[in-house]
Structures are given as structure tokens and as C-alpha cells.
């Protein structure tokens, strides 16, 4: 899965906690792995970002106000249609 590759590229130590890295580093690693930013939702102290690959694989990231990015979820594929939002 690309999330594991992104984290490996960033060379962060494995911990039991969510791994957070500089947001710019995560965005660059996502791009290198063929992921594009496809959603950005704003939070009171940051944002939710979703990076998606052409094959539908995705990674959800919380971008904190301090600029750190924490991957929190990933999946193999998704399908969002206008009808599913109504």
C-alpha cells in the first residue's frame, strides 16, 4: 500500500502513535508515489487532506496548524458519485 511507502520514504521511526511529519515532506512523498491531492476540508486548527492514485487507492491525512501532517487512514479504492452525496 502506498501509505507504507510514503512513511518509509520519510524515514520516520515506527511508534505505536500516529506518525506525523512535515506537511511539505508528506506531500512530496505522496506525489512521488503517484498520489494527487483530491480533497481538502478545513478544520478549526488545520485541514483534512485526501490524496488519491489513478487506481483509486487513497490516503487521508490530518494537517495540523503547526504544519505537521499525520496520515490517519488509507484504502484500496473509492467511488464517489454525485448521486451518493444526495
PDB file of N, CA and C in Angstrom:
ATOM      1  N   UNK A   1       0.834  -1.172   0.000  1.00  0.00           N
ATOM      2  CA  UNK A   1       0.000   0.000   0.000  1.00  0.00           C
ATOM      3  C   UNK A   1       0.885   1.244   0.000  1.00  0.00           C
ATOM      4  N   UNK A   2       0.443   2.265  -0.661  1.00  0.00           N
ATOM      5  CA  UNK A   2       1.256   3.478  -0.797  1.00  0.00           C
ATOM      6  C   UNK A   2       1.526   4.182   0.521  1.00  0.00           C
ATOM      7  N   UNK A   3       0.616   4.094   1.484  1.00  0.00           N
ATOM      8  CA  UNK A   3       0.845   4.746   2.772  1.00  0.00           C
ATOM      9  C   UNK A   3       2.140   4.245   3.396  1.00  0.00           C
ATOM     10  N   UNK A   4       2.358   2.944   3.367  1.00  0.00           N
ATOM     11  CA  UNK A   4       3.596   2.390   3.917  1.00  0.00           C
ATOM     12  C   UNK A   4       4.806   2.916   3.155  1.00  0.00           C
ATOM     13  N   UNK A   5       4.689   3.036   1.846  1.00  0.00           N
ATOM     14  CA  UNK A   5       5.794   3.567   1.053  1.00  0.00           C
ATOM     15  C   UNK A   5       6.064   5.028   1.375  1.00  0.00           C
ATOM     16  N   UNK A   6       5.015   5.796   1.573  1.00  0.00           N
ATOM     17  CA  UNK A   6       5.186   7.213   1.924  1.00  0.00           C
ATOM     18  C   UNK A   6       5.930   7.329   3.245  1.00  0.00           C
ATOM     19  N   UNK A   7       5.498   6.560   4.225  1.00  0.00           N
ATOM     20  CA  UNK A   7       6.147   6.642   5.531  1.00  0.00           C
ATOM     21  C   UNK A   7       7.583   6.149   5.465  1.00  0.00           C
ATOM     22  N   UNK A   8       7.838   5.133   4.665  1.00  0.00           N
ATOM     23  CA  UNK A   8       9.210   4.639   4.513  1.00  0.00           C
ATOM     24  C   UNK A   8      10.092   5.693   3.854  1.00  0.00           C
ATOM     25  N   UNK A   9       9.545   6.394   2.866  1.00  0.00           N
ATOM     26  CA  UNK A   9      10.304   7.444   2.184  1.00  0.00           C
ATOM     27  C   UNK A   9      10.693   8.562   3.144  1.00  0.00           C
ATOM     28  N   UNK A  10       9.833   8.817   4.096  1.00  0.00           N
ATOM     29  CA  UNK A  10      10.097   9.897   5.037  1.00  0.00           C
ATOM     30  C   UNK A  10      11.036   9.459   6.160  1.00  0.00           C
ATOM     31  N   UNK A  11      11.295   8.158   6.244  1.00  0.00           N
ATOM     32  CA  UNK A  11      12.249   7.592   7.212  1.00  0.00           C
ATOM     33  C   UNK A  11      11.955   8.016   8.642  1.00  0.00           C
ATOM     34  N   UNK A  12      10.700   7.942   9.017  1.00  0.00           N
ATOM     35  CA  UNK A  12      10.333   8.248  10.392  1.00  0.00           C
ATOM     36  C   UNK A  12      10.357   6.967  11.202  1.00  0.00           C
ATOM     37  N   UNK A  13      10.725   7.040  12.474  1.00  0.00           N
ATOM     38  CA  UNK A  13      10.757   5.835  13.297  1.00  0.00           C
ATOM     39  C   UNK A  13       9.341   5.308  13.540  1.00  0.00           C
ATOM     40  N   UNK A  14       9.203   3.997  13.578  1.00  0.00           N
ATOM     41  CA  UNK A  14       7.902   3.389  13.852  1.00  0.00           C
ATOM     42  C   UNK A  14       7.586   3.526  15.336  1.00  0.00           C
ATOM     43  N   UNK A  15       6.361   3.912  15.631  1.00  0.00           N
ATOM     44  CA  UNK A  15       5.906   4.033  17.011  1.00  0.00           C
ATOM     45  C   UNK A  15       4.476   3.527  17.088  1.00  0.00           C
ATOM     46  N   UNK A  16       3.982   3.410  18.291  1.00  0.00           N
ATOM     47  CA  UNK A  16       2.594   2.998  18.477  1.00  0.00           C
ATOM     48  C   UNK A  16       1.646   4.161  18.206  1.00  0.00           C
ATOM     49  N   UNK A  17       2.171   5.368  18.167  1.00  0.00           N
ATOM     50  CA  UNK A  17       1.361   6.552  17.931  1.00  0.00           C
ATOM     51  C   UNK A  17       1.279   6.857  16.445  1.00  0.00           C
ATOM     52  N   UNK A  18       0.353   7.747  16.098  1.00  0.00           N
ATOM     53  CA  UNK A  18       0.267   8.211  14.727  1.00  0.00           C
ATOM     54  C   UNK A  18       1.560   8.938  14.380  1.00  0.00           C
ATOM     55  N   UNK A  19       2.128   8.631  13.236  1.00  0.00           N
ATOM     56  CA  UNK A  19       3.374   9.255  12.801  1.00  0.00           C
ATOM     57  C   UNK A  19       3.033  10.570  12.102  1.00  0.00           C
ATOM     58  N   UNK A  20       3.594  11.652  12.584  1.00  0.00           N
ATOM     59  CA  UNK A  20       3.396  12.956  11.961  1.00  0.00           C
ATOM     60  C   UNK A  20       4.733  13.444  11.417  1.00  0.00           C
ATOM     61  N   UNK A  21       4.699  14.044  10.262  1.00  0.00           N
ATOM     62  CA  UNK A  21       5.893  14.539   9.589  1.00  0.00           C
ATOM     63  C   UNK A  21       5.596  15.927   9.039  1.00  0.00           C
ATOM     64  N   UNK A  22       6.598  16.672   8.619  1.00  0.00           N
ATOM     65  CA  UNK A  22       6.325  17.964   7.988  1.00  0.00           C
ATOM     66  C   UNK A  22       5.398  17.791   6.779  1.00  0.00           C
ATOM     67  N   UNK A  23       4.380  18.633   6.704  1.00  0.00           N
ATOM     68  CA  UNK A  23       3.385  18.531   5.636  1.00  0.00           C
ATOM     69  C   UNK A  23       3.973  18.583   4.240  1.00  0.00           C
ATOM     70  N   UNK A  24       4.961  19.424   4.022  1.00  0.00           N
ATOM     71  CA  UNK A  24       5.586  19.536   2.702  1.00  0.00           C
ATOM     72  C   UNK A  24       6.294  18.241   2.319  1.00  0.00           C
ATOM     73  N   UNK A  25       6.920  17.586   3.308  1.00  0.00           N
ATOM     74  CA  UNK A  25       7.602  16.316   3.048  1.00  0.00           C
ATOM     75  C   UNK A  25       6.605  15.228   2.669  1.00  0.00           C
ATOM     76  N   UNK A  26       5.476  15.179   3.389  1.00  0.00           N
ATOM     77  CA  UNK A  26       4.468  14.181   3.077  1.00  0.00           C
ATOM     78  C   UNK A  26       3.874  14.423   1.692  1.00  0.00           C
ATOM     79  N   UNK A  27       3.583  15.675   1.356  1.00  0.00           N
ATOM     80  CA  UNK A  27       3.030  15.990   0.037  1.00  0.00           C
ATOM     81  C   UNK A  27       3.998  15.602  -1.076  1.00  0.00           C
ATOM     82  N   UNK A  28       5.284  15.845  -0.875  1.00  0.00           N
ATOM     83  CA  UNK A  28       6.283  15.478  -1.883  1.00  0.00           C
ATOM     84  C   UNK A  28       6.373  13.959  -2.030  1.00  0.00           C
ATOM     85  N   UNK A  29       6.341  13.239  -0.902  1.00  0.00           N
ATOM     86  CA  UNK A  29       6.402  11.779  -0.958  1.00  0.00           C
ATOM     87  C   UNK A  29       5.157  11.212  -1.627  1.00  0.00           C
ATOM     88  N   UNK A  30       3.994  11.799  -1.353  1.00  0.00           N
ATOM     89  CA  UNK A  30       2.760  11.343  -1.989  1.00  0.00           C
ATOM     90  C   UNK A  30       2.841  11.524  -3.497  1.00  0.00           C
ATOM     91  N   UNK A  31       3.331  12.669  -3.936  1.00  0.00           N
ATOM     92  CA  UNK A  31       3.464  12.932  -5.372  1.00  0.00           C
ATOM     93  C   UNK A  31       4.414  11.929  -6.024  1.00  0.00           C
ATOM     94  N   UNK A  32       5.524  11.637  -5.354  1.00  0.00           N
ATOM     95  CA  UNK A  32       6.490  10.665  -5.878  1.00  0.00           C
ATOM     96  C   UNK A  32       5.870   9.274  -6.019  1.00  0.00           C
ATOM     97  N   UNK A  33       4.890   8.970  -5.172  1.00  0.00           N
ATOM     98  CA  UNK A  33       4.227   7.664  -5.206  1.00  0.00           C
ATOM     99  C   UNK A  33       3.001   7.651  -6.125  1.00  0.00           C
ATOM    100  N   UNK A  34       2.788   8.726  -6.883  1.00  0.00           N
ATOM    101  CA  UNK A  34       1.680   8.766  -7.833  1.00  0.00           C
ATOM    102  C   UNK A  34       0.350   9.176  -7.239  1.00  0.00           C
ATOM    103  N   UNK A  35       0.370   9.804  -6.071  1.00  0.00           N
ATOM    104  CA  UNK A  35      -0.857  10.284  -5.438  1.00  0.00           C
ATOM    105  C   UNK A  35      -1.022  11.780  -5.680  1.00  0.00           C
ATOM    106  N   UNK A  36      -2.259  12.205  -5.897  1.00  0.00           N
ATOM    107  CA  UNK A  36      -2.557  13.623  -6.100  1.00  0.00           C
ATOM    108  C   UNK A  36      -3.540  14.076  -5.024  1.00  0.00           C
ATOM    109  N   UNK A  37      -3.433  15.324  -4.598  1.00  0.00           N
ATOM    110  CA  UNK A  37      -4.376  15.884  -3.633  1.00  0.00           C
ATOM    111  C   UNK A  37      -5.730  16.025  -4.321  1.00  0.00           C
ATOM    112  N   UNK A  38      -6.745  15.313  -3.819  1.00  0.00           N
ATOM    113  CA  UNK A  38      -8.065  15.341  -4.450  1.00  0.00           C
ATOM    114  C   UNK A  38      -9.142  15.928  -3.552  1.00  0.00           C
ATOM    115  N   UNK A  39      -8.830  16.158  -2.277  1.00  0.00           N
ATOM    116  CA  UNK A  39      -9.806  16.754  -1.365  1.00  0.00           C
ATOM    117  C   UNK A  39      -9.074  17.504  -0.271  1.00  0.00           C
ATOM    118  N   UNK A  40      -9.619  18.677   0.077  1.00  0.00           N
ATOM    119  CA  UNK A  40      -9.104  19.430   1.218  1.00  0.00           C
ATOM    120  C   UNK A  40     -10.294  20.009   1.954  1.00  0.00           C
ATOM    121  N   UNK A  41     -10.462  19.598   3.199  1.00  0.00           N
ATOM    122  CA  UNK A  41     -11.520  20.120   4.056  1.00  0.00           C
ATOM    123  C   UNK A  41     -10.888  20.813   5.241  1.00  0.00           C
ATOM    124  N   UNK A  42     -11.409  21.960   5.581  1.00  0.00           N
ATOM    125  CA  UNK A  42     -10.782  22.756   6.631  1.00  0.00           C
ATOM    126  C   UNK A  42     -11.335  22.431   8.008  1.00  0.00           C
ATOM    127  N   UNK A  43     -10.438  22.407   8.994  1.00  0.00           N
ATOM    128  CA  UNK A  43     -10.767  22.206  10.397  1.00  0.00           C
ATOM    129  C   UNK A  43     -10.458  23.493  11.150  1.00  0.00           C
ATOM    130  N   UNK A  44     -10.881  23.583  12.391  1.00  0.00           N
ATOM    131  CA  UNK A  44     -10.604  24.772  13.197  1.00  0.00           C
ATOM    132  C   UNK A  44      -9.102  25.017  13.340  1.00  0.00           C
ATOM    133  N   UNK A  45      -8.331  23.950  13.420  1.00  0.00           N
ATOM    134  CA  UNK A  45      -6.880  24.095  13.614  1.00  0.00           C
ATOM    135  C   UNK A  45      -6.109  23.266  12.597  1.00  0.00           C
ATOM    136  N   UNK A  46      -6.504  23.333  11.327  1.00  0.00           N
ATOM    137  CA  UNK A  46      -5.800  22.583  10.303  1.00  0.00           C
ATOM    138  C   UNK A  46      -6.707  22.186   9.159  1.00  0.00           C
ATOM    139  N   UNK A  47      -6.461  20.988   8.611  1.00  0.00           N
ATOM    140  CA  UNK A  47      -7.241  20.531   7.468  1.00  0.00           C
ATOM    141  C   UNK A  47      -7.206  19.008   7.371  1.00  0.00           C
ATOM    142  N   UNK A  48      -8.173  18.470   6.653  1.00  0.00           N
ATOM    143  CA  UNK A  48      -8.188  17.059   6.275  1.00  0.00           C
ATOM    144  C   UNK A  48      -7.822  17.016   4.802  1.00  0.00           C
ATOM    145  N   UNK A  49      -6.830  16.225   4.449  1.00  0.00           N
ATOM    146  CA  UNK A  49      -6.398  16.089   3.060  1.00  0.00           C
ATOM    147  C   UNK A  49      -6.589  14.645   2.627  1.00  0.00           C
ATOM    148  N   UNK A  50      -7.033  14.455   1.389  1.00  0.00           N
ATOM    149  CA  UNK A  50      -7.095  13.111   0.824  1.00  0.00           C
ATOM    150  C   UNK A  50      -6.296  13.114  -0.466  1.00  0.00           C
ATOM    151  N   UNK A  51      -5.325  12.211  -0.518  1.00  0.00           N
ATOM    152  CA  UNK A  51      -4.504  12.005  -1.703  1.00  0.00           C
ATOM    153  C   UNK A  51      -4.989  10.728  -2.369  1.00  0.00           C
ATOM    154  N   UNK A  52      -5.163  10.754  -3.684  1.00  0.00           N
ATOM    155  CA  UNK A  52      -5.713   9.616  -4.413  1.00  0.00           C
ATOM    156  C   UNK A  52      -4.834   9.270  -5.604  1.00  0.00           C
ATOM    157  N   UNK A  53      -4.686   7.974  -5.860  1.00  0.00           N
ATOM    158  CA  UNK A  53      -3.961   7.484  -7.033  1.00  0.00           C
ATOM    159  C   UNK A  53      -4.969   7.207  -8.151  1.00  0.00           C
ATOM    160  N   UNK A  54      -4.483   7.071  -9.367  1.00  0.00           N
ATOM    161  CA  UNK A  54      -5.360   6.788 -10.508  1.00  0.00           C
ATOM    162  C   UNK A  54      -6.144   5.500 -10.344  1.00  0.00           C
ATOM    163  N   UNK A  55      -5.581   4.520  -9.621  1.00  0.00           N
ATOM    164  CA  UNK A  55      -6.276   3.247  -9.436  1.00  0.00           C
ATOM    165  C   UNK A  55      -7.286   3.286  -8.291  1.00  0.00           C
ATOM    166  N   UNK A  56      -7.459   4.456  -7.658  1.00  0.00           N
ATOM    167  CA  UNK A  56      -8.436   4.614  -6.589  1.00  0.00           C
ATOM    168  C   UNK A  56      -7.873   4.483  -5.191  1.00  0.00           C
ATOM    169  N   UNK A  57      -6.637   4.042  -5.057  1.00  0.00           N
ATOM    170  CA  UNK A  57      -6.020   3.944  -3.736  1.00  0.00           C
ATOM    171  C   UNK A  57      -5.939   5.346  -3.143  1.00  0.00           C
ATOM    172  N   UNK A  58      -6.159   5.472  -1.836  1.00  0.00           N
ATOM    173  CA  UNK A  58      -6.201   6.793  -1.218  1.00  0.00           C
ATOM    174  C   UNK A  58      -5.543   6.780   0.163  1.00  0.00           C
ATOM    175  N   UNK A  59      -5.147   7.975   0.597  1.00  0.00           N
ATOM    176  CA  UNK A  59      -4.576   8.186   1.928  1.00  0.00           C
ATOM    177  C   UNK A  59      -5.208   9.453   2.498  1.00  0.00           C
ATOM    178  N   UNK A  60      -5.728   9.363   3.725  1.00  0.00           N
ATOM    179  CA  UNK A  60      -6.292  10.527   4.413  1.00  0.00           C
ATOM    180  C   UNK A  60      -5.271  11.041   5.417  1.00  0.00           C
ATOM    181  N   UNK A  61      -5.080  12.347   5.427  1.00  0.00           N
ATOM    182  CA  UNK A  61      -4.069  12.987   6.262  1.00  0.00           C
ATOM    183  C   UNK A  61      -4.710  14.143   7.033  1.00  0.00           C
ATOM    184  N   UNK A  62      -4.343  14.287   8.295  1.00  0.00           N
ATOM    185  CA  UNK A  62      -4.719  15.468   9.070  1.00  0.00           C
ATOM    186  C   UNK A  62      -3.530  16.418   9.035  1.00  0.00           C
ATOM    187  N   UNK A  63      -3.754  17.615   8.527  1.00  0.00           N
ATOM    188  CA  UNK A  63      -2.723  18.651   8.507  1.00  0.00           C
ATOM    189  C   UNK A  63      -2.992  19.578   9.677  1.00  0.00           C
ATOM    190  N   UNK A  64      -2.049  19.618  10.623  1.00  0.00           N
ATOM    191  CA  UNK A  64      -2.219  20.428  11.831  1.00  0.00           C
ATOM    192  C   UNK A  64      -1.796  21.872  11.583  1.00  0.00           C
ATOM    193  N   UNK A  65      -2.225  22.751  12.470  1.00  0.00           N
ATOM    194  CA  UNK A  65      -1.903  24.175  12.352  1.00  0.00           C
ATOM    195  C   UNK A  65      -0.399  24.426  12.378  1.00  0.00           C
ATOM    196  N   UNK A  66       0.367  23.543  13.023  1.00  0.00           N
ATOM    197  CA  UNK A  66       1.825  23.722  13.088  1.00  0.00           C
ATOM    198  C   UNK A  66       2.537  23.258  11.819  1.00  0.00           C
ATOM    199  N   UNK A  67       1.760  22.766  10.823  1.00  0.00           N
ATOM    200  CA  UNK A  67       2.349  22.342   9.558  1.00  0.00           C
ATOM    201  C   UNK A  67       2.690  20.863   9.494  1.00  0.00           C
ATOM    202  N   UNK A  68       2.500  20.139  10.599  1.00  0.00           N
ATOM    203  CA  UNK A  68       2.770  18.703  10.570  1.00  0.00           C
ATOM    204  C   UNK A  68       1.580  17.967   9.967  1.00  0.00           C
ATOM    205  N   UNK A  69       1.873  16.860   9.300  1.00  0.00           N
ATOM    206  CA  UNK A  69       0.851  16.057   8.642  1.00  0.00           C
ATOM    207  C   UNK A  69       0.866  14.654   9.220  1.00  0.00           C
ATOM    208  N   UNK A  70      -0.312  14.139   9.537  1.00  0.00           N
ATOM    209  CA  UNK A  70      -0.437  12.832  10.173  1.00  0.00           C
ATOM    210  C   UNK A  70      -1.368  11.953   9.345  1.00  0.00           C
ATOM    211  N   UNK A  71      -0.836  10.938   8.653  1.00  0.00           N
ATOM    212  CA  UNK A  71      -1.698  10.005   7.938  1.00  0.00           C
ATOM    213  C   UNK A  71      -2.561   9.243   8.952  1.00  0.00           C
ATOM    214  N   UNK A  72      -3.867   9.187   8.715  1.00  0.00           N
ATOM    215  CA  UNK A  72      -4.764   8.550   9.675  1.00  0.00           C
ATOM    216  C   UNK A  72      -5.565   7.392   9.093  1.00  0.00           C
ATOM    217  N   UNK A  73      -5.689   7.312   7.772  1.00  0.00           N
ATOM    218  CA  UNK A  73      -6.452   6.226   7.155  1.00  0.00           C
ATOM    219  C   UNK A  73      -6.005   6.057   5.718  1.00  0.00           C
ATOM    220  N   UNK A  74      -6.215   4.859   5.190  1.00  0.00           N
ATOM    221  CA  UNK A  74      -5.877   4.572   3.801  1.00  0.00           C
ATOM    222  C   UNK A  74      -6.784   3.464   3.301  1.00  0.00           C
ATOM    223  N   UNK A  75      -6.940   3.389   1.986  1.00  0.00           N
ATOM    224  CA  UNK A  75      -7.780   2.349   1.418  1.00  0.00           C
ATOM    225  C   UNK A  75      -7.358   1.997   0.014  1.00  0.00           C
ATOM    226  N   UNK A  76      -7.897   0.889  -0.461  1.00  0.00           N
ATOM    227  CA  UNK A  76      -7.536   0.389  -1.781  1.00  0.00           C
ATOM    228  C   UNK A  76      -8.264   1.094  -2.909  1.00  0.00           C
ATOM    229  N   UNK A  77      -9.505   1.497  -2.681  1.00  0.00           N
ATOM    230  CA  UNK A  77     -10.267   2.122  -3.760  1.00  0.00           C
ATOM    231  C   UNK A  77     -11.459   2.874  -3.174  1.00  0.00           C
ATOM    232  N   UNK A  78     -11.955   3.818  -3.936  1.00  0.00           N
ATOM    233  CA  UNK A  78     -13.179   4.517  -3.542  1.00  0.00           C
ATOM    234  C   UNK A  78     -13.921   4.919  -4.800  1.00  0.00           C
ATOM    235  N   UNK A  79     -15.184   5.162  -4.624  1.00  0.00           N
ATOM    236  CA  UNK A  79     -16.021   5.587  -5.741  1.00  0.00           C
ATOM    237  C   UNK A  79     -17.040   6.578  -5.191  1.00  0.00           C
ATOM    238  N   UNK A  80     -16.893   7.831  -5.550  1.00  0.00           N
ATOM    239  CA  UNK A  80     -17.843   8.848  -5.136  1.00  0.00           C
ATOM    240  C   UNK A  80     -18.544   9.371  -6.366  1.00  0.00           C
ATOM    241  N   UNK A  81     -19.855   9.281  -6.363  1.00  0.00           N
ATOM    242  CA  UNK A  81     -20.639   9.841  -7.451  1.00  0.00           C
ATOM    243  C   UNK A  81     -21.546  10.921  -6.889  1.00  0.00           C
ATOM    244  N   UNK A  82     -21.999  11.803  -7.727  1.00  0.00           N
ATOM    245  CA  UNK A  82     -22.881  12.883  -7.275  1.00  0.00           C
ATOM    246  C   UNK A  82     -24.118  12.310  -6.604  1.00  0.00           C
ATOM    247  N   UNK A  83     -24.654  11.245  -7.121  1.00  0.00           N
ATOM    248  CA  UNK A  83     -25.847  10.624  -6.536  1.00  0.00           C
ATOM    249  C   UNK A  83     -25.644  10.135  -5.127  1.00  0.00           C
ATOM    250  N   UNK A  84     -24.432   9.702  -4.799  1.00  0.00           N
ATOM    251  CA  UNK A  84     -24.181   9.184  -3.454  1.00  0.00           C
ATOM    252  C   UNK A  84     -24.117  10.302  -2.430  1.00  0.00           C
ATOM    253  N   UNK A  85     -24.005  11.533  -2.866  1.00  0.00           N
ATOM    254  CA  UNK A  85     -23.922  12.662  -1.951  1.00  0.00           C
ATOM    255  C   UNK A  85     -25.296  13.259  -1.633  1.00  0.00           C
ATOM    256  N   UNK A  86     -26.335  12.781  -2.283  1.00  0.00           N
ATOM    257  CA  UNK A  86     -27.676  13.350  -2.091  1.00  0.00           C
ATOM    258  C   UNK A  86     -28.516  12.504  -1.176  1.00  0.00           C
TER     259      UNK A  86
END
